[in-house]
Amino acid sequence: MKFFIIFLSLFAFGLAAPPKKPEQTEILRHDTDFGIDSFRYAFATSDGTEAQAEGQLKNAGQEDASLVIRGVYTYIGDDGQTYTVTYLADENGFQPQGDHLPLS
């Protein structure tokens, strides 16, 4: 009887459908511009993800030099909702803002 149960289980497992492959995401748009003291990029993909940012070197050549980046990205969450995050990243760290993020 044990053999029959094990055999039946393995048989059912073998007949189970293979896992569904995730859809491949395609790049719809990709723009970049890199300079000596600055950069800019933007992209969009077929899964609804979009991002753009620009950065600039602040106080170049000085001891307190830092990179300042301003950007925004959008994505579709597992719940189907679209989320957008705008941010500033500088000598004070990463500072995101979005309607879905808690206020600090």
Foldseek 3Di string as FASTA:
>chain_A
DVVVVVVVVVVVVVPDDDDDDDDDKAKPDWDKDDDDFKIKIWTAIPQGKIKIKMKGWDPPPDPPIKIKMWMKMWGQDPVRDIWMWTWIAIPVGIGIDTPPDDDD
